[in-house]
PDB file of all heavy atoms in Angstrom:
ATOM      1  N   THR A   1     -68.070-242.810-148.941  1.00  0.00           N
ATOM      2  CA  THR A   1     -67.450-243.903-149.855  1.00  0.00           C
ATOM      3  C   THR A   1     -68.400-244.477-150.723  1.00  0.00           C
ATOM      4  O   THR A   1     -68.016-245.145-151.741  1.00  0.00           O
ATOM      5  CB  THR A   1     -66.666-244.832-149.001  1.00  0.00           C
ATOM      6  OG1 THR A   1     -67.552-245.465-148.076  1.00  0.00           O
ATOM      7  CG2 THR A   1     -65.496-244.366-148.255  1.00  0.00           C
ATOM      8  N   GLU A   2     -69.767-244.459-150.492  1.00  0.00           N
ATOM      9  CA  GLU A   2     -70.710-245.046-151.339  1.00  0.00           C
ATOM     10  C   GLU A   2     -72.083-244.388-151.038  1.00  0.00           C
ATOM     11  O   GLU A   2     -72.336-243.968-149.827  1.00  0.00           O
ATOM     12  CB  GLU A   2     -70.805-246.539-150.980  1.00  0.00           C
ATOM     13  CG  GLU A   2     -71.746-247.386-151.675  1.00  0.00           C
ATOM     14  CD  GLU A   2     -71.492-247.371-153.208  1.00  0.00           C
ATOM     15  OE1 GLU A   2     -70.747-248.280-153.704  1.00  0.00           O
ATOM     16  OE2 GLU A   2     -72.013-246.522-153.812  1.00  0.00           O
ATOM     17  N   ALA A   3     -72.897-244.325-152.054  1.00  0.00           N
ATOM     18  CA  ALA A   3     -74.204-243.735-151.970  1.00  0.00           C
ATOM     19  C   ALA A   3     -75.113-244.210-153.017  1.00  0.00           C
ATOM     20  O   ALA A   3     -74.652-244.489-154.096  1.00  0.00           O
ATOM     21  CB  ALA A   3     -74.114-242.173-151.983  1.00  0.00           C
ATOM     22  N   GLY A   4     -76.276-244.494-152.757  1.00  0.00           N
ATOM     23  CA  GLY A   4     -77.287-244.958-153.832  1.00  0.00           C
ATOM     24  C   GLY A   4     -78.587-245.485-153.232  1.00  0.00           C
ATOM     25  O   GLY A   4     -78.733-245.483-151.936  1.00  0.00           O
ATOM     26  N   ASN A   5     -79.464-245.944-154.082  1.00  0.00           N
ATOM     27  CA  ASN A   5     -80.728-246.509-153.713  1.00  0.00           C
ATOM     28  C   ASN A   5     -80.541-248.063-153.646  1.00  0.00           C
ATOM     29  O   ASN A   5     -80.352-248.624-154.689  1.00  0.00           O
ATOM     30  CB  ASN A   5     -81.890-246.077-154.566  1.00  0.00           C
ATOM     31  CG  ASN A   5     -83.132-246.681-154.131  1.00  0.00           C
ATOM     32  OD1 ASN A   5     -83.569-247.725-154.504  1.00  0.00           O
ATOM     33  ND2 ASN A   5     -83.922-245.917-153.364  1.00  0.00           N
ATOM     34  N   PHE A   6     -80.727-248.683-152.551  1.00  0.00           N
ATOM     35  CA  PHE A   6     -80.550-250.178-152.339  1.00  0.00           C
ATOM     36  C   PHE A   6     -81.821-250.683-152.226  1.00  0.00           C
ATOM     37  O   PHE A   6     -82.805-250.224-151.625  1.00  0.00           O
ATOM     38  CB  PHE A   6     -79.648-250.356-151.168  1.00  0.00           C
ATOM     39  CG  PHE A   6     -78.154-250.024-151.464  1.00  0.00           C
ATOM     40  CD1 PHE A   6     -77.746-248.742-151.665  1.00  0.00           C
ATOM     41  CD2 PHE A   6     -77.203-251.028-151.294  1.00  0.00           C
ATOM     42  CE1 PHE A   6     -76.374-248.545-151.952  1.00  0.00           C
ATOM     43  CE2 PHE A   6     -75.874-250.737-151.444  1.00  0.00           C
ATOM     44  CZ  PHE A   6     -75.381-249.438-151.842  1.00  0.00           C
ATOM     45  N   PHE A   7     -82.009-252.037-152.678  1.00  0.00           N
ATOM     46  CA  PHE A   7     -83.244-252.716-152.524  1.00  0.00           C
ATOM     47  C   PHE A   7     -83.880-252.777-151.142  1.00  0.00           C
ATOM     48  O   PHE A   7     -85.131-252.442-150.990  1.00  0.00           O
ATOM     49  CB  PHE A   7     -83.022-254.177-153.144  1.00  0.00           C
ATOM     50  CG  PHE A   7     -84.335-254.961-153.169  1.00  0.00           C
ATOM     51  CD1 PHE A   7     -85.143-254.815-154.303  1.00  0.00           C
ATOM     52  CD2 PHE A   7     -84.713-255.799-152.271  1.00  0.00           C
ATOM     53  CE1 PHE A   7     -86.341-255.539-154.454  1.00  0.00           C
ATOM     54  CE2 PHE A   7     -85.892-256.609-152.329  1.00  0.00           C
ATOM     55  CZ  PHE A   7     -86.732-256.378-153.421  1.00  0.00           C
ATOM     56  N   PHE A   8     -83.090-253.305-150.152  1.00  0.00           N
ATOM     57  CA  PHE A   8     -83.597-253.360-148.817  1.00  0.00           C
ATOM     58  C   PHE A   8     -83.439-252.050-148.022  1.00  0.00           C
ATOM     59  O   PHE A   8     -84.311-251.672-147.222  1.00  0.00           O
ATOM     60  CB  PHE A   8     -83.033-254.516-148.096  1.00  0.00           C
ATOM     61  CG  PHE A   8     -83.314-255.814-148.533  1.00  0.00           C
ATOM     62  CD1 PHE A   8     -82.408-256.774-148.926  1.00  0.00           C
ATOM     63  CD2 PHE A   8     -84.644-256.269-148.605  1.00  0.00           C
ATOM     64  CE1 PHE A   8     -82.704-258.017-149.239  1.00  0.00           C
ATOM     65  CE2 PHE A   8     -84.987-257.547-149.003  1.00  0.00           C
ATOM     66  CZ  PHE A   8     -84.018-258.402-149.393  1.00  0.00           C
ATOM     67  N   ASN A   9     -82.340-251.379-148.233  1.00  0.00           N
ATOM     68  CA  ASN A   9     -82.040-250.245-147.383  1.00  0.00           C
ATOM     69  C   ASN A   9     -82.488-248.816-147.867  1.00  0.00           C
ATOM     70  O   ASN A   9     -82.292-247.817-147.176  1.00  0.00           O
ATOM     71  CB  ASN A   9     -80.414-250.185-147.250  1.00  0.00           C
ATOM     72  CG  ASN A   9     -79.906-251.398-146.474  1.00  0.00           C
ATOM     73  OD1 ASN A   9     -80.635-251.959-145.683  1.00  0.00           O
ATOM     74  ND2 ASN A   9     -78.594-251.612-146.681  1.00  0.00           N
ATOM     75  N   GLY A  10     -83.052-248.825-149.106  1.00  0.00           N
ATOM     76  CA  GLY A  10     -83.464-247.629-149.726  1.00  0.00           C
ATOM     77  C   GLY A  10     -82.270-246.694-149.977  1.00  0.00           C
ATOM     78  O   GLY A  10     -81.185-247.198-150.205  1.00  0.00           O
ATOM     79  N   ASN A  11     -82.568-245.417-149.923  1.00  0.00           N
ATOM     80  CA  ASN A  11     -81.440-244.456-150.184  1.00  0.00           C
ATOM     81  C   ASN A  11     -80.494-244.616-149.042  1.00  0.00           C
ATOM     82  O   ASN A  11     -80.838-244.410-147.769  1.00  0.00           O
ATOM     83  CB  ASN A  11     -82.064-243.053-150.162  1.00  0.00           C
ATOM     84  CG  ASN A  11     -82.824-242.796-151.391  1.00  0.00           C
ATOM     85  OD1 ASN A  11     -82.594-243.467-152.489  1.00  0.00           O
ATOM     86  ND2 ASN A  11     -83.872-242.127-151.390  1.00  0.00           N
ATOM     87  N   THR A  12     -79.249-244.862-149.298  1.00  0.00           N
ATOM     88  CA  THR A  12     -78.227-245.147-148.296  1.00  0.00           C
ATOM     89  C   THR A  12     -76.953-244.489-148.602  1.00  0.00           C
ATOM     90  O   THR A  12     -76.477-244.182-149.621  1.00  0.00           O
ATOM     91  CB  THR A  12     -77.973-246.811-148.426  1.00  0.00           C
ATOM     92  OG1 THR A  12     -79.254-247.368-148.218  1.00  0.00           O
ATOM     93  CG2 THR A  12     -76.976-247.248-147.422  1.00  0.00           C
ATOM     94  N   LEU A  13     -76.246-244.104-147.508  1.00  0.00           N
ATOM     95  CA  LEU A  13     -74.872-243.643-147.476  1.00  0.00           C
ATOM     96  C   LEU A  13     -74.009-244.412-146.598  1.00  0.00           C
ATOM     97  O   LEU A  13     -74.342-244.935-145.590  1.00  0.00           O
ATOM     98  CB  LEU A  13     -75.037-242.111-146.813  1.00  0.00           C
ATOM     99  CG  LEU A  13     -75.683-241.030-147.708  1.00  0.00           C
ATOM    100  CD1 LEU A  13     -75.709-239.761-146.861  1.00  0.00           C
ATOM    101  CD2 LEU A  13     -74.874-240.704-149.029  1.00  0.00           C
ATOM    102  N   PHE A  14     -72.626-244.301-146.962  1.00  0.00           N
ATOM    103  CA  PHE A  14     -71.577-244.881-146.131  1.00  0.00           C
ATOM    104  C   PHE A  14     -70.503-243.903-145.904  1.00  0.00           C
ATOM    105  O   PHE A  14     -70.120-243.144-146.985  1.00  0.00           O
ATOM    106  CB  PHE A  14     -70.968-246.197-146.823  1.00  0.00           C
ATOM    107  CG  PHE A  14     -71.955-247.181-147.023  1.00  0.00           C
ATOM    108  CD1 PHE A  14     -72.809-247.310-148.201  1.00  0.00           C
ATOM    109  CD2 PHE A  14     -71.999-248.251-146.172  1.00  0.00           C
ATOM    110  CE1 PHE A  14     -73.637-248.378-148.301  1.00  0.00           C
ATOM    111  CE2 PHE A  14     -72.856-249.443-146.290  1.00  0.00           C
ATOM    112  CZ  PHE A  14     -73.746-249.399-147.485  1.00  0.00           C
ATOM    113  N   ILE A  15     -69.921-243.773-144.733  1.00  0.00           N
ATOM    114  CA  ILE A  15     -68.863-242.846-144.397  1.00  0.00           C
ATOM    115  C   ILE A  15     -67.690-243.621-143.805  1.00  0.00           C
ATOM    116  O   ILE A  15     -67.926-244.436-142.905  1.00  0.00           O
ATOM    117  CB  ILE A  15     -69.396-241.722-143.515  1.00  0.00           C
ATOM    118  CG1 ILE A  15     -70.452-240.891-144.090  1.00  0.00           C
ATOM    119  CG2 ILE A  15     -68.182-240.837-143.095  1.00  0.00           C
ATOM    120  CD1 ILE A  15     -71.013-239.755-143.109  1.00  0.00           C
ATOM    121  N   ASP A  16     -66.561-243.356-144.363  1.00  0.00           N
ATOM    122  CA  ASP A  16     -65.334-243.934-143.888  1.00  0.00           C
ATOM    123  C   ASP A  16     -64.735-242.948-142.932  1.00  0.00           C
ATOM    124  O   ASP A  16     -64.465-241.827-143.230  1.00  0.00           O
ATOM    125  CB  ASP A  16     -64.340-244.313-145.000  1.00  0.00           C
ATOM    126  CG  ASP A  16     -63.106-244.853-144.590  1.00  0.00           C
ATOM    127  OD1 ASP A  16     -62.903-245.164-143.277  1.00  0.00           O
ATOM    128  OD2 ASP A  16     -62.127-245.039-145.444  1.00  0.00           O
ATOM    129  N   HIS A  17     -64.500-243.367-141.591  1.00  0.00           N
ATOM    130  CA  HIS A  17     -63.836-242.491-140.557  1.00  0.00           C
ATOM    131  C   HIS A  17     -62.389-242.857-140.300  1.00  0.00           C
ATOM    132  O   HIS A  17     -61.763-242.296-139.456  1.00  0.00           O
ATOM    133  CB  HIS A  17     -64.726-242.626-139.242  1.00  0.00           C
ATOM    134  CG  HIS A  17     -66.091-242.133-139.476  1.00  0.00           C
ATOM    135  ND1 HIS A  17     -66.472-240.968-139.640  1.00  0.00           N
ATOM    136  CD2 HIS A  17     -67.274-243.091-139.525  1.00  0.00           C
ATOM    137  CE1 HIS A  17     -67.855-240.831-139.725  1.00  0.00           C
ATOM    138  NE2 HIS A  17     -68.295-242.053-139.720  1.00  0.00           N
ATOM    139  N   GLY A  18     -61.852-243.930-141.068  1.00  0.00           N
ATOM    140  CA  GLY A  18     -60.521-244.211-140.885  1.00  0.00           C
ATOM    141  C   GLY A  18     -60.215-245.555-140.016  1.00  0.00           C
ATOM    142  O   GLY A  18     -61.159-245.774-139.148  1.00  0.00           O
ATOM    143  N   SER A  19     -59.200-246.202-140.320  1.00  0.00           N
ATOM    144  CA  SER A  19     -58.734-247.321-139.531  1.00  0.00           C
ATOM    145  C   SER A  19     -59.822-248.437-139.443  1.00  0.00           C
ATOM    146  O   SER A  19     -59.950-249.009-138.382  1.00  0.00           O
ATOM    147  CB  SER A  19     -58.230-246.908-138.126  1.00  0.00           C
ATOM    148  OG  SER A  19     -57.087-246.111-138.289  1.00  0.00           O
ATOM    149  N   GLY A  20     -60.550-248.704-140.482  1.00  0.00           N
ATOM    150  CA  GLY A  20     -61.553-249.766-140.376  1.00  0.00           C
ATOM    151  C   GLY A  20     -62.750-249.453-139.687  1.00  0.00           C
ATOM    152  O   GLY A  20     -63.603-250.258-139.366  1.00  0.00           O
ATOM    153  N   PHE A  21     -63.079-248.064-139.487  1.00  0.00           N
ATOM    154  CA  PHE A  21     -64.089-247.616-138.671  1.00  0.00           C
ATOM    155  C   PHE A  21     -65.137-246.884-139.686  1.00  0.00           C
ATOM    156  O   PHE A  21     -64.708-245.891-140.352  1.00  0.00           O
ATOM    157  CB  PHE A  21     -63.729-246.783-137.698  1.00  0.00           C
ATOM    158  CG  PHE A  21     -64.847-246.129-136.716  1.00  0.00           C
ATOM    159  CD1 PHE A  21     -65.842-246.886-136.234  1.00  0.00           C
ATOM    160  CD2 PHE A  21     -64.863-244.672-136.431  1.00  0.00           C
ATOM    161  CE1 PHE A  21     -66.851-246.367-135.551  1.00  0.00           C
ATOM    162  CE2 PHE A  21     -65.874-244.144-135.704  1.00  0.00           C
ATOM    163  CZ  PHE A  21     -66.888-244.945-135.201  1.00  0.00           C
ATOM    164  N   ALA A  22     -66.421-247.377-139.832  1.00  0.00           N
ATOM    165  CA  ALA A  22     -67.265-246.766-140.834  1.00  0.00           C
ATOM    166  C   ALA A  22     -68.678-246.724-140.304  1.00  0.00           C
ATOM    167  O   ALA A  22     -69.014-247.474-139.368  1.00  0.00           O
ATOM    168  CB  ALA A  22     -67.220-247.559-142.178  1.00  0.00           C
ATOM    169  N   THR A  23     -69.499-245.822-140.890  1.00  0.00           N
ATOM    170  CA  THR A  23     -70.887-245.807-140.511  1.00  0.00           C
ATOM    171  C   THR A  23     -71.783-245.792-141.739  1.00  0.00           C
ATOM    172  O   THR A  23     -71.329-245.461-142.768  1.00  0.00           O
ATOM    173  CB  THR A  23     -71.105-244.488-139.679  1.00  0.00           C
ATOM    174  OG1 THR A  23     -70.694-243.297-140.429  1.00  0.00           O
ATOM    175  CG2 THR A  23     -70.565-244.527-138.361  1.00  0.00           C
ATOM    176  N   MET A  24     -73.038-246.269-141.547  1.00  0.00           N
ATOM    177  CA  MET A  24     -73.983-246.296-142.656  1.00  0.00           C
ATOM    178  C   MET A  24     -75.340-245.712-142.218  1.00  0.00           C
ATOM    179  O   MET A  24     -75.600-245.805-141.051  1.00  0.00           O
ATOM    180  CB  MET A  24     -74.150-247.662-143.253  1.00  0.00           C
ATOM    181  CG  MET A  24     -74.756-248.718-142.209  1.00  0.00           C
ATOM    182  SD  MET A  24     -74.780-250.447-142.913  1.00  0.00           S
ATOM    183  CE  MET A  24     -75.874-250.190-144.352  1.00  0.00           C
ATOM    184  N   TYR A  25     -76.035-245.226-143.140  1.00  0.00           N
ATOM    185  CA  TYR A  25     -77.357-244.592-143.021  1.00  0.00           C
ATOM    186  C   TYR A  25     -78.436-245.027-144.006  1.00  0.00           C
ATOM    187  O   TYR A  25     -78.130-244.793-145.198  1.00  0.00           O
ATOM    188  CB  TYR A  25     -77.166-243.023-143.078  1.00  0.00           C
ATOM    189  CG  TYR A  25     -75.870-242.458-142.309  1.00  0.00           C
ATOM    190  CD1 TYR A  25     -74.644-242.711-142.846  1.00  0.00           C
ATOM    191  CD2 TYR A  25     -76.086-242.033-141.052  1.00  0.00           C
ATOM    192  CE1 TYR A  25     -73.464-242.333-142.104  1.00  0.00           C
ATOM    193  CE2 TYR A  25     -74.865-241.696-140.257  1.00  0.00           C
ATOM    194  CZ  TYR A  25     -73.579-241.870-140.831  1.00  0.00           C
ATOM    195  OH  TYR A  25     -72.525-241.463-140.088  1.00  0.00           O
ATOM    196  N   CYS A  26     -79.413-245.548-143.571  1.00  0.00           N
ATOM    197  CA  CYS A  26     -80.337-246.164-144.573  1.00  0.00           C
ATOM    198  C   CYS A  26     -81.705-245.563-144.539  1.00  0.00           C
ATOM    199  O   CYS A  26     -82.198-245.020-143.449  1.00  0.00           O
ATOM    200  CB  CYS A  26     -80.469-247.625-144.258  1.00  0.00           C
ATOM    201  SG  CYS A  26     -78.894-248.530-144.324  1.00  0.00           S
ATOM    202  N   HIS A  27     -82.549-245.841-145.547  1.00  0.00           N
ATOM    203  CA  HIS A  27     -83.927-245.366-145.602  1.00  0.00           C
ATOM    204  C   HIS A  27     -84.117-243.867-145.864  1.00  0.00           C
ATOM    205  O   HIS A  27     -85.292-243.351-145.634  1.00  0.00           O
ATOM    206  CB  HIS A  27     -84.813-245.877-144.502  1.00  0.00           C
ATOM    207  CG  HIS A  27     -84.519-247.433-144.204  1.00  0.00           C
ATOM    208  ND1 HIS A  27     -84.712-248.347-145.090  1.00  0.00           N
ATOM    209  CD2 HIS A  27     -84.160-247.990-142.974  1.00  0.00           C
ATOM    210  CE1 HIS A  27     -84.441-249.494-144.607  1.00  0.00           C
ATOM    211  NE2 HIS A  27     -84.129-249.230-143.288  1.00  0.00           N
ATOM    212  N   LEU A  28     -83.149-243.104-146.307  1.00  0.00           N
ATOM    213  CA  LEU A  28     -83.200-241.693-146.419  1.00  0.00           C
ATOM    214  C   LEU A  28     -84.175-241.340-147.466  1.00  0.00           C
ATOM    215  O   LEU A  28     -84.392-241.950-148.458  1.00  0.00           O
ATOM    216  CB  LEU A  28     -81.860-241.170-146.845  1.00  0.00           C
ATOM    217  CG  LEU A  28     -80.808-240.952-145.605  1.00  0.00           C
ATOM    218  CD1 LEU A  28     -80.422-242.348-145.027  1.00  0.00           C
ATOM    219  CD2 LEU A  28     -79.530-240.269-146.149  1.00  0.00           C
ATOM    220  N   SER A  29     -84.751-240.174-147.274  1.00  0.00           N
ATOM    221  CA  SER A  29     -85.621-239.491-148.258  1.00  0.00           C
ATOM    222  C   SER A  29     -84.853-238.783-149.217  1.00  0.00           C
ATOM    223  O   SER A  29     -85.253-238.670-150.399  1.00  0.00           O
ATOM    224  CB  SER A  29     -86.739-238.544-147.648  1.00  0.00           C
ATOM    225  OG  SER A  29     -86.136-237.464-146.998  1.00  0.00           O
ATOM    226  N   ARG A  30     -83.669-238.347-148.919  1.00  0.00           N
ATOM    227  CA  ARG A  30     -82.788-237.486-149.700  1.00  0.00           C
ATOM    228  C   ARG A  30     -81.416-237.556-149.167  1.00  0.00           C
ATOM    229  O   ARG A  30     -81.219-237.600-147.981  1.00  0.00           O
ATOM    230  CB  ARG A  30     -83.237-236.033-149.789  1.00  0.00           C
ATOM    231  CG  ARG A  30     -82.584-235.201-150.821  1.00  0.00           C
ATOM    232  CD  ARG A  30     -82.994-233.684-150.664  1.00  0.00           C
ATOM    233  NE  ARG A  30     -82.374-233.035-149.654  1.00  0.00           N
ATOM    234  CZ  ARG A  30     -82.780-231.817-149.153  1.00  0.00           C
ATOM    235  NH1 ARG A  30     -83.920-231.372-149.558  1.00  0.00           N
ATOM    236  NH2 ARG A  30     -82.125-231.235-148.166  1.00  0.00           N
TER     237      ARG A  30
END
């Protein structure tokens, strides 16, 4: 649902798994 380079989190991804349940991944190299 979202991806980009964030100031604090670096390269970041967000995944929506449904019903208000989501995960995020920060500091990625790629």
